[in-house]
Amino acid sequence: MHCTIEIPHNPKKCLFYHDLKLKDRRRVPTTYSSDMCPVANANRSPCPLGDSCHMAHNRIEDFYHPEKYKSKYCQHYPDKIAQCEYGEHCAFAHSSAELSIT
């Protein structure tokens, strides 16, 4: 869903998307796989299938898909977690307890 929060805030820590071109949009993860769509990836243009496509259309959909979410450590792990600009909304694990390996 598009963000409707009217006060200034950090979009990287918001649950809603901000880019009207849908670059950071997140679809319901059960409707697509984490594999990147070859059409959207190769052409860097919208996939003609849109939401009915069964593949991820951007890195955000890929990172936040349950197949990959928190399956790797954040680049700031272990000593610089406070520097992660995504905080609790980061798609990567900030501790071994958050790590989910399927």
PDB file of N, CA and C in Angstrom:
ATOM      1  N   MET A   1       0.831  -1.163   0.000  1.00  0.00           N
ATOM      2  CA  MET A   1       0.000   0.000   0.000  1.00  0.00           C
ATOM      3  C   MET A   1       0.889   1.244   0.000  1.00  0.00           C
ATOM      4  N   HIS A   2       0.464   2.256  -0.702  1.00  0.00           N
ATOM      5  CA  HIS A   2       1.210   3.497  -0.776  1.00  0.00           C
ATOM      6  C   HIS A   2       1.116   4.241   0.556  1.00  0.00           C
ATOM      7  N   CYS A   3       2.215   4.862   0.974  1.00  0.00           N
ATOM      8  CA  CYS A   3       2.264   5.578   2.255  1.00  0.00           C
ATOM      9  C   CYS A   3       1.402   6.831   2.198  1.00  0.00           C
ATOM     10  N   THR A   4       0.595   7.015   3.230  1.00  0.00           N
ATOM     11  CA  THR A   4      -0.246   8.213   3.337  1.00  0.00           C
ATOM     12  C   THR A   4       0.144   9.062   4.553  1.00  0.00           C
ATOM     13  N   ILE A   5       1.264   8.736   5.182  1.00  0.00           N
ATOM     14  CA  ILE A   5       1.735   9.508   6.333  1.00  0.00           C
ATOM     15  C   ILE A   5       2.202  10.870   5.837  1.00  0.00           C
ATOM     16  N   GLU A   6       1.627  11.912   6.381  1.00  0.00           N
ATOM     17  CA  GLU A   6       1.901  13.249   5.865  1.00  0.00           C
ATOM     18  C   GLU A   6       3.044  13.969   6.556  1.00  0.00           C
ATOM     19  N   ILE A   7       3.501  13.484   7.701  1.00  0.00           N
ATOM     20  CA  ILE A   7       4.619  14.131   8.371  1.00  0.00           C
ATOM     21  C   ILE A   7       5.932  13.547   7.838  1.00  0.00           C
ATOM     22  N   PRO A   8       7.010  14.337   7.812  1.00  0.00           N
ATOM     23  CA  PRO A   8       8.289  13.819   7.325  1.00  0.00           C
ATOM     24  C   PRO A   8       8.745  12.617   8.165  1.00  0.00           C
ATOM     25  N   HIS A   9       9.180  11.573   7.483  1.00  0.00           N
ATOM     26  CA  HIS A   9       9.677  10.381   8.157  1.00  0.00           C
ATOM     27  C   HIS A   9      10.634   9.644   7.231  1.00  0.00           C
ATOM     28  N   ASN A  10      11.362   8.689   7.783  1.00  0.00           N
ATOM     29  CA  ASN A  10      12.345   7.923   7.029  1.00  0.00           C
ATOM     30  C   ASN A  10      11.629   6.818   6.245  1.00  0.00           C
ATOM     31  N   PRO A  11      11.594   6.889   4.920  1.00  0.00           N
ATOM     32  CA  PRO A  11      10.903   5.864   4.138  1.00  0.00           C
ATOM     33  C   PRO A  11      11.525   4.476   4.277  1.00  0.00           C
ATOM     34  N   LYS A  12      12.792   4.413   4.662  1.00  0.00           N
ATOM     35  CA  LYS A  12      13.437   3.116   4.830  1.00  0.00           C
ATOM     36  C   LYS A  12      12.955   2.396   6.081  1.00  0.00           C
ATOM     37  N   LYS A  13      12.313   3.130   6.982  1.00  0.00           N
ATOM     38  CA  LYS A  13      11.776   2.527   8.197  1.00  0.00           C
ATOM     39  C   LYS A  13      10.249   2.511   8.188  1.00  0.00           C
ATOM     40  N   CYS A  14       9.673   2.684   7.030  1.00  0.00           N
ATOM     41  CA  CYS A  14       8.216   2.712   6.874  1.00  0.00           C
ATOM     42  C   CYS A  14       7.760   1.408   6.235  1.00  0.00           C
ATOM     43  N   LEU A  15       6.602   0.926   6.664  1.00  0.00           N
ATOM     44  CA  LEU A  15       6.070  -0.326   6.119  1.00  0.00           C
ATOM     45  C   LEU A  15       5.402  -0.144   4.758  1.00  0.00           C
ATOM     46  N   PHE A  16       5.210   1.083   4.325  1.00  0.00           N
ATOM     47  CA  PHE A  16       4.510   1.358   3.077  1.00  0.00           C
ATOM     48  C   PHE A  16       5.486   1.836   2.004  1.00  0.00           C
ATOM     49  N   TYR A  17       5.101   1.722   0.736  1.00  0.00           N
ATOM     50  CA  TYR A  17       6.012   2.158  -0.317  1.00  0.00           C
ATOM     51  C   TYR A  17       5.838   3.648  -0.592  1.00  0.00           C
ATOM     52  N   HIS A  18       6.903   4.269  -1.079  1.00  0.00           N
ATOM     53  CA  HIS A  18       6.932   5.713  -1.290  1.00  0.00           C
ATOM     54  C   HIS A  18       7.154   6.098  -2.741  1.00  0.00           C
ATOM     55  N   ASP A  19       7.792   5.253  -3.498  1.00  0.00           N
ATOM     56  CA  ASP A  19       8.117   5.541  -4.888  1.00  0.00           C
ATOM     57  C   ASP A  19       6.886   5.281  -5.751  1.00  0.00           C
ATOM     58  N   LEU A  20       6.364   6.324  -6.372  1.00  0.00           N
ATOM     59  CA  LEU A  20       5.152   6.161  -7.177  1.00  0.00           C
ATOM     60  C   LEU A  20       5.384   5.314  -8.419  1.00  0.00           C
ATOM     61  N   LYS A  21       6.640   5.108  -8.784  1.00  0.00           N
ATOM     62  CA  LYS A  21       6.956   4.227  -9.906  1.00  0.00           C
ATOM     63  C   LYS A  21       7.076   2.783  -9.438  1.00  0.00           C
ATOM     64  N   LEU A  22       6.747   2.542  -8.177  1.00  0.00           N
ATOM     65  CA  LEU A  22       6.684   1.208  -7.577  1.00  0.00           C
ATOM     66  C   LEU A  22       8.032   0.519  -7.437  1.00  0.00           C
ATOM     67  N   LYS A  23       9.128   1.264  -7.402  1.00  0.00           N
ATOM     68  CA  LYS A  23      10.434   0.638  -7.265  1.00  0.00           C
ATOM     69  C   LYS A  23      10.621  -0.027  -5.913  1.00  0.00           C
ATOM     70  N   ASP A  24       9.936   0.483  -4.885  1.00  0.00           N
ATOM     71  CA  ASP A  24      10.090  -0.119  -3.566  1.00  0.00           C
ATOM     72  C   ASP A  24       8.808  -0.810  -3.113  1.00  0.00           C
ATOM     73  N   ARG A  25       7.954  -1.103  -4.029  1.00  0.00           N
ATOM     74  CA  ARG A  25       6.667  -1.700  -3.697  1.00  0.00           C
ATOM     75  C   ARG A  25       6.828  -3.143  -3.242  1.00  0.00           C
ATOM     76  N   ARG A  26       6.025  -3.534  -2.286  1.00  0.00           N
ATOM     77  CA  ARG A  26       6.050  -4.908  -1.786  1.00  0.00           C
ATOM     78  C   ARG A  26       4.690  -5.539  -2.043  1.00  0.00           C
ATOM     79  N   ARG A  27       4.678  -6.635  -2.765  1.00  0.00           N
ATOM     80  CA  ARG A  27       3.438  -7.385  -2.986  1.00  0.00           C
ATOM     81  C   ARG A  27       3.283  -8.429  -1.901  1.00  0.00           C
ATOM     82  N   VAL A  28       2.114  -9.014  -1.812  1.00  0.00           N
ATOM     83  CA  VAL A  28       1.883 -10.104  -0.876  1.00  0.00           C
ATOM     84  C   VAL A  28       2.803 -11.248  -1.289  1.00  0.00           C
ATOM     85  N   PRO A  29       3.716 -11.698  -0.399  1.00  0.00           N
ATOM     86  CA  PRO A  29       4.751 -12.655  -0.791  1.00  0.00           C
ATOM     87  C   PRO A  29       4.239 -14.003  -1.281  1.00  0.00           C
ATOM     88  N   THR A  30       3.051 -14.386  -0.925  1.00  0.00           N
ATOM     89  CA  THR A  30       2.552 -15.690  -1.366  1.00  0.00           C
ATOM     90  C   THR A  30       2.062 -15.664  -2.809  1.00  0.00           C
ATOM     91  N   THR A  31       2.070 -14.492  -3.437  1.00  0.00           N
ATOM     92  CA  THR A  31       1.571 -14.395  -4.807  1.00  0.00           C
ATOM     93  C   THR A  31       2.668 -14.466  -5.863  1.00  0.00           C
ATOM     94  N   TYR A  32       3.940 -14.544  -5.419  1.00  0.00           N
ATOM     95  CA  TYR A  32       5.048 -14.595  -6.368  1.00  0.00           C
ATOM     96  C   TYR A  32       6.235 -15.304  -5.730  1.00  0.00           C
ATOM     97  N   SER A  33       7.167 -15.768  -6.565  1.00  0.00           N
ATOM     98  CA  SER A  33       8.378 -16.411  -6.055  1.00  0.00           C
ATOM     99  C   SER A  33       9.461 -15.339  -5.889  1.00  0.00           C
ATOM    100  N   SER A  34      10.550 -15.689  -5.265  1.00  0.00           N
ATOM    101  CA  SER A  34      11.653 -14.734  -5.095  1.00  0.00           C
ATOM    102  C   SER A  34      12.546 -14.668  -6.331  1.00  0.00           C
ATOM    103  N   ASP A  35      12.293 -15.508  -7.309  1.00  0.00           N
ATOM    104  CA  ASP A  35      13.064 -15.457  -8.561  1.00  0.00           C
ATOM    105  C   ASP A  35      12.746 -14.157  -9.289  1.00  0.00           C
ATOM    106  N   MET A  36      13.779 -13.532  -9.840  1.00  0.00           N
ATOM    107  CA  MET A  36      13.585 -12.265 -10.540  1.00  0.00           C
ATOM    108  C   MET A  36      12.946 -12.486 -11.909  1.00  0.00           C
ATOM    109  N   CYS A  37      11.975 -11.659 -12.225  1.00  0.00           N
ATOM    110  CA  CYS A  37      11.281 -11.711 -13.513  1.00  0.00           C
ATOM    111  C   CYS A  37      12.270 -11.331 -14.615  1.00  0.00           C
ATOM    112  N   PRO A  38      12.472 -12.176 -15.620  1.00  0.00           N
ATOM    113  CA  PRO A  38      13.446 -11.852 -16.671  1.00  0.00           C
ATOM    114  C   PRO A  38      13.026 -10.644 -17.506  1.00  0.00           C
ATOM    115  N   VAL A  39      11.734 -10.408 -17.643  1.00  0.00           N
ATOM    116  CA  VAL A  39      11.257  -9.265 -18.436  1.00  0.00           C
ATOM    117  C   VAL A  39      11.567  -7.967 -17.707  1.00  0.00           C
ATOM    118  N   ALA A  40      11.165  -7.871 -16.443  1.00  0.00           N
ATOM    119  CA  ALA A  40      11.408  -6.656 -15.664  1.00  0.00           C
ATOM    120  C   ALA A  40      12.898  -6.445 -15.447  1.00  0.00           C
ATOM    121  N   ASN A  41      13.647  -7.522 -15.247  1.00  0.00           N
ATOM    122  CA  ASN A  41      15.074  -7.425 -14.977  1.00  0.00           C
ATOM    123  C   ASN A  41      15.856  -7.020 -16.232  1.00  0.00           C
ATOM    124  N   ALA A  42      15.546  -7.606 -17.362  1.00  0.00           N
ATOM    125  CA  ALA A  42      16.291  -7.344 -18.597  1.00  0.00           C
ATOM    126  C   ALA A  42      15.966  -5.970 -19.184  1.00  0.00           C
ATOM    127  N   ASN A  43      14.704  -5.611 -19.177  1.00  0.00           N
ATOM    128  CA  ASN A  43      14.287  -4.364 -19.819  1.00  0.00           C
ATOM    129  C   ASN A  43      14.300  -3.160 -18.898  1.00  0.00           C
ATOM    130  N   ARG A  44      14.418  -3.404 -17.599  1.00  0.00           N
ATOM    131  CA  ARG A  44      14.304  -2.333 -16.610  1.00  0.00           C
ATOM    132  C   ARG A  44      13.034  -1.526 -16.843  1.00  0.00           C
ATOM    133  N   SER A  45      12.017  -2.220 -17.274  1.00  0.00           N
ATOM    134  CA  SER A  45      10.708  -1.603 -17.512  1.00  0.00           C
ATOM    135  C   SER A  45       9.653  -2.495 -16.886  1.00  0.00           C
ATOM    136  N   PRO A  46       8.450  -1.981 -16.704  1.00  0.00           N
ATOM    137  CA  PRO A  46       7.411  -2.787 -16.061  1.00  0.00           C
ATOM    138  C   PRO A  46       7.105  -4.073 -16.833  1.00  0.00           C
ATOM    139  N   CYS A  47       6.885  -5.124 -16.104  1.00  0.00           N
ATOM    140  CA  CYS A  47       6.491  -6.395 -16.704  1.00  0.00           C
ATOM    141  C   CYS A  47       5.056  -6.244 -17.200  1.00  0.00           C
ATOM    142  N   PRO A  48       4.760  -6.691 -18.405  1.00  0.00           N
ATOM    143  CA  PRO A  48       3.395  -6.561 -18.916  1.00  0.00           C
ATOM    144  C   PRO A  48       2.367  -7.361 -18.109  1.00  0.00           C
ATOM    145  N   LEU A  49       2.821  -8.351 -17.334  1.00  0.00           N
ATOM    146  CA  LEU A  49       1.891  -9.139 -16.525  1.00  0.00           C
ATOM    147  C   LEU A  49       1.533  -8.447 -15.204  1.00  0.00           C
ATOM    148  N   GLY A  50       2.319  -7.445 -14.827  1.00  0.00           N
ATOM    149  CA  GLY A  50       2.043  -6.702 -13.599  1.00  0.00           C
ATOM    150  C   GLY A  50       1.965  -7.612 -12.382  1.00  0.00           C
ATOM    151  N   ASP A  51       0.953  -7.392 -11.538  1.00  0.00           N
ATOM    152  CA  ASP A  51       0.792  -8.174 -10.315  1.00  0.00           C
ATOM    153  C   ASP A  51       0.435  -9.633 -10.566  1.00  0.00           C
ATOM    154  N   SER A  52       0.022  -9.974 -11.760  1.00  0.00           N
ATOM    155  CA  SER A  52      -0.306 -11.378 -12.042  1.00  0.00           C
ATOM    156  C   SER A  52       0.940 -12.200 -12.391  1.00  0.00           C
ATOM    157  N   CYS A  53       2.085 -11.547 -12.517  1.00  0.00           N
ATOM    158  CA  CYS A  53       3.350 -12.243 -12.756  1.00  0.00           C
ATOM    159  C   CYS A  53       3.722 -13.003 -11.487  1.00  0.00           C
ATOM    160  N   HIS A  54       4.257 -14.187 -11.655  1.00  0.00           N
ATOM    161  CA  HIS A  54       4.588 -15.039 -10.520  1.00  0.00           C
ATOM    162  C   HIS A  54       6.050 -14.920 -10.084  1.00  0.00           C
ATOM    163  N   MET A  55       6.699 -13.800 -10.456  1.00  0.00           N
ATOM    164  CA  MET A  55       8.102 -13.596 -10.096  1.00  0.00           C
ATOM    165  C   MET A  55       8.294 -12.205  -9.500  1.00  0.00           C
ATOM    166  N   ALA A  56       9.405 -12.017  -8.786  1.00  0.00           N
ATOM    167  CA  ALA A  56       9.731 -10.724  -8.185  1.00  0.00           C
ATOM    168  C   ALA A  56      10.118  -9.725  -9.271  1.00  0.00           C
ATOM    169  N   HIS A  57       9.716  -8.471  -9.090  1.00  0.00           N
ATOM    170  CA  HIS A  57      10.005  -7.437 -10.073  1.00  0.00           C
ATOM    171  C   HIS A  57      11.085  -6.461  -9.643  1.00  0.00           C
ATOM    172  N   ASN A  58      11.533  -6.544  -8.399  1.00  0.00           N
ATOM    173  CA  ASN A  58      12.597  -5.657  -7.932  1.00  0.00           C
ATOM    174  C   ASN A  58      13.291  -6.307  -6.739  1.00  0.00           C
ATOM    175  N   ARG A  59      14.394  -5.713  -6.317  1.00  0.00           N
ATOM    176  CA  ARG A  59      15.179  -6.285  -5.228  1.00  0.00           C
ATOM    177  C   ARG A  59      14.409  -6.259  -3.904  1.00  0.00           C
ATOM    178  N   ILE A  60      13.526  -5.283  -3.726  1.00  0.00           N
ATOM    179  CA  ILE A  60      12.749  -5.208  -2.490  1.00  0.00           C
ATOM    180  C   ILE A  60      11.842  -6.429  -2.373  1.00  0.00           C
ATOM    181  N   GLU A  61      11.118  -6.748  -3.455  1.00  0.00           N
ATOM    182  CA  GLU A  61      10.258  -7.940  -3.430  1.00  0.00           C
ATOM    183  C   GLU A  61      11.096  -9.194  -3.214  1.00  0.00           C
ATOM    184  N   ASP A  62      12.278  -9.216  -3.773  1.00  0.00           N
ATOM    185  CA  ASP A  62      13.181 -10.352  -3.613  1.00  0.00           C
ATOM    186  C   ASP A  62      13.652 -10.465  -2.163  1.00  0.00           C
ATOM    187  N   PHE A  63      14.187  -9.384  -1.605  1.00  0.00           N
ATOM    188  CA  PHE A  63      14.729  -9.410  -0.239  1.00  0.00           C
ATOM    189  C   PHE A  63      13.686  -9.720   0.826  1.00  0.00           C
ATOM    190  N   TYR A  64      12.459  -9.214   0.651  1.00  0.00           N
ATOM    191  CA  TYR A  64      11.427  -9.383   1.681  1.00  0.00           C
ATOM    192  C   TYR A  64      10.565 -10.630   1.478  1.00  0.00           C
ATOM    193  N   HIS A  65      10.843 -11.400   0.454  1.00  0.00           N
ATOM    194  CA  HIS A  65      10.100 -12.642   0.242  1.00  0.00           C
ATOM    195  C   HIS A  65      10.480 -13.633   1.345  1.00  0.00           C
ATOM    196  N   PRO A  66       9.515 -14.403   1.870  1.00  0.00           N
ATOM    197  CA  PRO A  66       9.824 -15.354   2.961  1.00  0.00           C
ATOM    198  C   PRO A  66      10.956 -16.337   2.646  1.00  0.00           C
ATOM    199  N   GLU A  67      11.187 -16.638   1.375  1.00  0.00           N
ATOM    200  CA  GLU A  67      12.279 -17.545   1.009  1.00  0.00           C
ATOM    201  C   GLU A  67      13.651 -16.940   1.339  1.00  0.00           C
ATOM    202  N   LYS A  68      13.749 -15.607   1.370  1.00  0.00           N
ATOM    203  CA  LYS A  68      15.038 -14.954   1.566  1.00  0.00           C
ATOM    204  C   LYS A  68      15.100 -14.037   2.782  1.00  0.00           C
ATOM    205  N   TYR A  69      13.956 -13.622   3.302  1.00  0.00           N
ATOM    206  CA  TYR A  69      13.900 -12.665   4.406  1.00  0.00           C
ATOM    207  C   TYR A  69      14.697 -13.168   5.611  1.00  0.00           C
ATOM    208  N   LYS A  70      15.649 -12.368   6.067  1.00  0.00           N
ATOM    209  CA  LYS A  70      16.496 -12.662   7.231  1.00  0.00           C
ATOM    210  C   LYS A  70      17.285 -13.966   7.079  1.00  0.00           C
ATOM    211  N   SER A  71      17.541 -14.390   5.835  1.00  0.00           N
ATOM    212  CA  SER A  71      18.304 -15.621   5.624  1.00  0.00           C
ATOM    213  C   SER A  71      19.811 -15.361   5.578  1.00  0.00           C
ATOM    214  N   LYS A  72      20.201 -14.095   5.570  1.00  0.00           N
ATOM    215  CA  LYS A  72      21.616 -13.707   5.588  1.00  0.00           C
ATOM    216  C   LYS A  72      21.790 -12.566   6.586  1.00  0.00           C
ATOM    217  N   TYR A  73      23.012 -12.410   7.036  1.00  0.00           N
ATOM    218  CA  TYR A  73      23.295 -11.318   7.962  1.00  0.00           C
ATOM    219  C   TYR A  73      23.355  -9.977   7.232  1.00  0.00           C
ATOM    220  N   CYS A  74      22.956  -8.940   7.927  1.00  0.00           N
ATOM    221  CA  CYS A  74      23.050  -7.561   7.445  1.00  0.00           C
ATOM    222  C   CYS A  74      24.521  -7.229   7.219  1.00  0.00           C
ATOM    223  N   GLN A  75      24.809  -6.362   6.275  1.00  0.00           N
ATOM    224  CA  GLN A  75      26.199  -5.973   6.009  1.00  0.00           C
ATOM    225  C   GLN A  75      26.841  -5.285   7.214  1.00  0.00           C
ATOM    226  N   HIS A  76      26.035  -4.808   8.153  1.00  0.00           N
ATOM    227  CA  HIS A  76      26.555  -4.140   9.344  1.00  0.00           C
ATOM    228  C   HIS A  76      26.794  -5.102  10.511  1.00  0.00           C
ATOM    229  N   TYR A  77      26.433  -6.377  10.338  1.00  0.00           N
ATOM    230  CA  TYR A  77      26.601  -7.371  11.393  1.00  0.00           C
ATOM    231  C   TYR A  77      28.079  -7.713  11.532  1.00  0.00           C
ATOM    232  N   PRO A  78      28.613  -7.905  12.690  1.00  0.00           N
ATOM    233  CA  PRO A  78      28.012  -7.823  14.016  1.00  0.00           C
ATOM    234  C   PRO A  78      28.303  -6.517  14.740  1.00  0.00           C
ATOM    235  N   ASP A  79      29.311  -5.763  14.296  1.00  0.00           N
ATOM    236  CA  ASP A  79      29.793  -4.634  15.092  1.00  0.00           C
ATOM    237  C   ASP A  79      29.153  -3.283  14.803  1.00  0.00           C
ATOM    238  N   LYS A  80      28.419  -3.161  13.685  1.00  0.00           N
ATOM    239  CA  LYS A  80      27.916  -1.841  13.302  1.00  0.00           C
ATOM    240  C   LYS A  80      26.402  -1.851  13.043  1.00  0.00           C
ATOM    241  N   ILE A  81      25.674  -2.689  13.749  1.00  0.00           N
ATOM    242  CA  ILE A  81      24.225  -2.810  13.558  1.00  0.00           C
ATOM    243  C   ILE A  81      23.520  -1.470  13.737  1.00  0.00           C
ATOM    244  N   ALA A  82      23.992  -0.639  14.656  1.00  0.00           N
ATOM    245  CA  ALA A  82      23.369   0.670  14.900  1.00  0.00           C
ATOM    246  C   ALA A  82      23.441   1.558  13.661  1.00  0.00           C
ATOM    247  N   GLN A  83      24.345   1.274  12.747  1.00  0.00           N
ATOM    248  CA  GLN A  83      24.491   2.074  11.527  1.00  0.00           C
ATOM    249  C   GLN A  83      23.522   1.648  10.419  1.00  0.00           C
ATOM    250  N   CYS A  84      22.805   0.552  10.590  1.00  0.00           N
ATOM    251  CA  CYS A  84      21.864   0.095   9.562  1.00  0.00           C
ATOM    252  C   CYS A  84      20.699   1.073   9.491  1.00  0.00           C
ATOM    253  N   GLU A  85      20.521   1.701   8.340  1.00  0.00           N
ATOM    254  CA  GLU A  85      19.479   2.710   8.200  1.00  0.00           C
ATOM    255  C   GLU A  85      18.066   2.121   8.123  1.00  0.00           C
ATOM    256  N   TYR A  86      17.946   0.811   8.001  1.00  0.00           N
ATOM    257  CA  TYR A  86      16.627   0.179   7.942  1.00  0.00           C
ATOM    258  C   TYR A  86      16.139  -0.257   9.323  1.00  0.00           C
ATOM    259  N   GLY A  87      17.059  -0.380  10.273  1.00  0.00           N
ATOM    260  CA  GLY A  87      16.684  -0.748  11.639  1.00  0.00           C
ATOM    261  C   GLY A  87      15.892  -2.039  11.696  1.00  0.00           C
ATOM    262  N   GLU A  88      14.798  -2.028  12.438  1.00  0.00           N
ATOM    263  CA  GLU A  88      13.987  -3.234  12.609  1.00  0.00           C
ATOM    264  C   GLU A  88      13.299  -3.681  11.322  1.00  0.00           C
ATOM    265  N   HIS A  89      13.288  -2.834  10.300  1.00  0.00           N
ATOM    266  CA  HIS A  89      12.660  -3.191   9.029  1.00  0.00           C
ATOM    267  C   HIS A  89      13.658  -3.753   8.016  1.00  0.00           C
ATOM    268  N   CYS A  90      14.886  -3.956   8.441  1.00  0.00           N
ATOM    269  CA  CYS A  90      15.915  -4.505   7.558  1.00  0.00           C
ATOM    270  C   CYS A  90      15.544  -5.928   7.166  1.00  0.00           C
ATOM    271  N   ALA A  91      15.762  -6.265   5.902  1.00  0.00           N
ATOM    272  CA  ALA A  91      15.444  -7.606   5.397  1.00  0.00           C
ATOM    273  C   ALA A  91      16.509  -8.625   5.773  1.00  0.00           C
ATOM    274  N   PHE A  92      17.581  -8.154   6.417  1.00  0.00           N
ATOM    275  CA  PHE A  92      18.683  -9.031   6.781  1.00  0.00           C
ATOM    276  C   PHE A  92      18.788  -9.139   8.300  1.00  0.00           C
ATOM    277  N   ALA A  93      19.348 -10.232   8.772  1.00  0.00           N
ATOM    278  CA  ALA A  93      19.426 -10.511  10.207  1.00  0.00           C
ATOM    279  C   ALA A  93      20.453  -9.614  10.894  1.00  0.00           C
ATOM    280  N   HIS A  94      20.062  -9.127  12.064  1.00  0.00           N
ATOM    281  CA  HIS A  94      20.956  -8.304  12.883  1.00  0.00           C
ATOM    282  C   HIS A  94      21.521  -9.103  14.054  1.00  0.00           C
ATOM    283  N   SER A  95      21.073 -10.334  14.205  1.00  0.00           N
ATOM    284  CA  SER A  95      21.583 -11.211  15.257  1.00  0.00           C
ATOM    285  C   SER A  95      21.367 -12.660  14.825  1.00  0.00           C
ATOM    286  N   SER A  96      22.032 -13.577  15.491  1.00  0.00           N
ATOM    287  CA  SER A  96      21.847 -14.995  15.145  1.00  0.00           C
ATOM    288  C   SER A  96      20.423 -15.444  15.457  1.00  0.00           C
ATOM    289  N   ALA A  97      19.764 -14.815  16.436  1.00  0.00           N
ATOM    290  CA  ALA A  97      18.388 -15.155  16.770  1.00  0.00           C
ATOM    291  C   ALA A  97      17.413 -14.779  15.642  1.00  0.00           C
ATOM    292  N   GLU A  98      17.735 -13.723  14.889  1.00  0.00           N
ATOM    293  CA  GLU A  98      16.876 -13.302  13.781  1.00  0.00           C
ATOM    294  C   GLU A  98      17.091 -14.138  12.515  1.00  0.00           C
ATOM    295  N   LEU A  99      18.223 -14.787  12.430  1.00  0.00           N
ATOM    296  CA  LEU A  99      18.579 -15.535  11.221  1.00  0.00           C
ATOM    297  C   LEU A  99      17.588 -16.679  11.001  1.00  0.00           C
ATOM    298  N   SER A 100      16.994 -16.690   9.821  1.00  0.00           N
ATOM    299  CA  SER A 100      16.054 -17.762   9.479  1.00  0.00           C
ATOM    300  C   SER A 100      16.568 -18.498   8.252  1.00  0.00           C
ATOM    301  N   ILE A 101      17.049 -19.684   8.475  1.00  0.00           N
ATOM    302  CA  ILE A 101      17.571 -20.493   7.376  1.00  0.00           C
ATOM    303  C   ILE A 101      16.559 -21.591   7.107  1.00  0.00           C
ATOM    304  N   THR A 102      16.076 -21.598   5.865  1.00  0.00           N
ATOM    305  CA  THR A 102      15.082 -22.618   5.491  1.00  0.00           C
ATOM    306  C   THR A 102      15.703 -23.714   4.682  1.00  0.00           C
TER     307      THR A 102
END
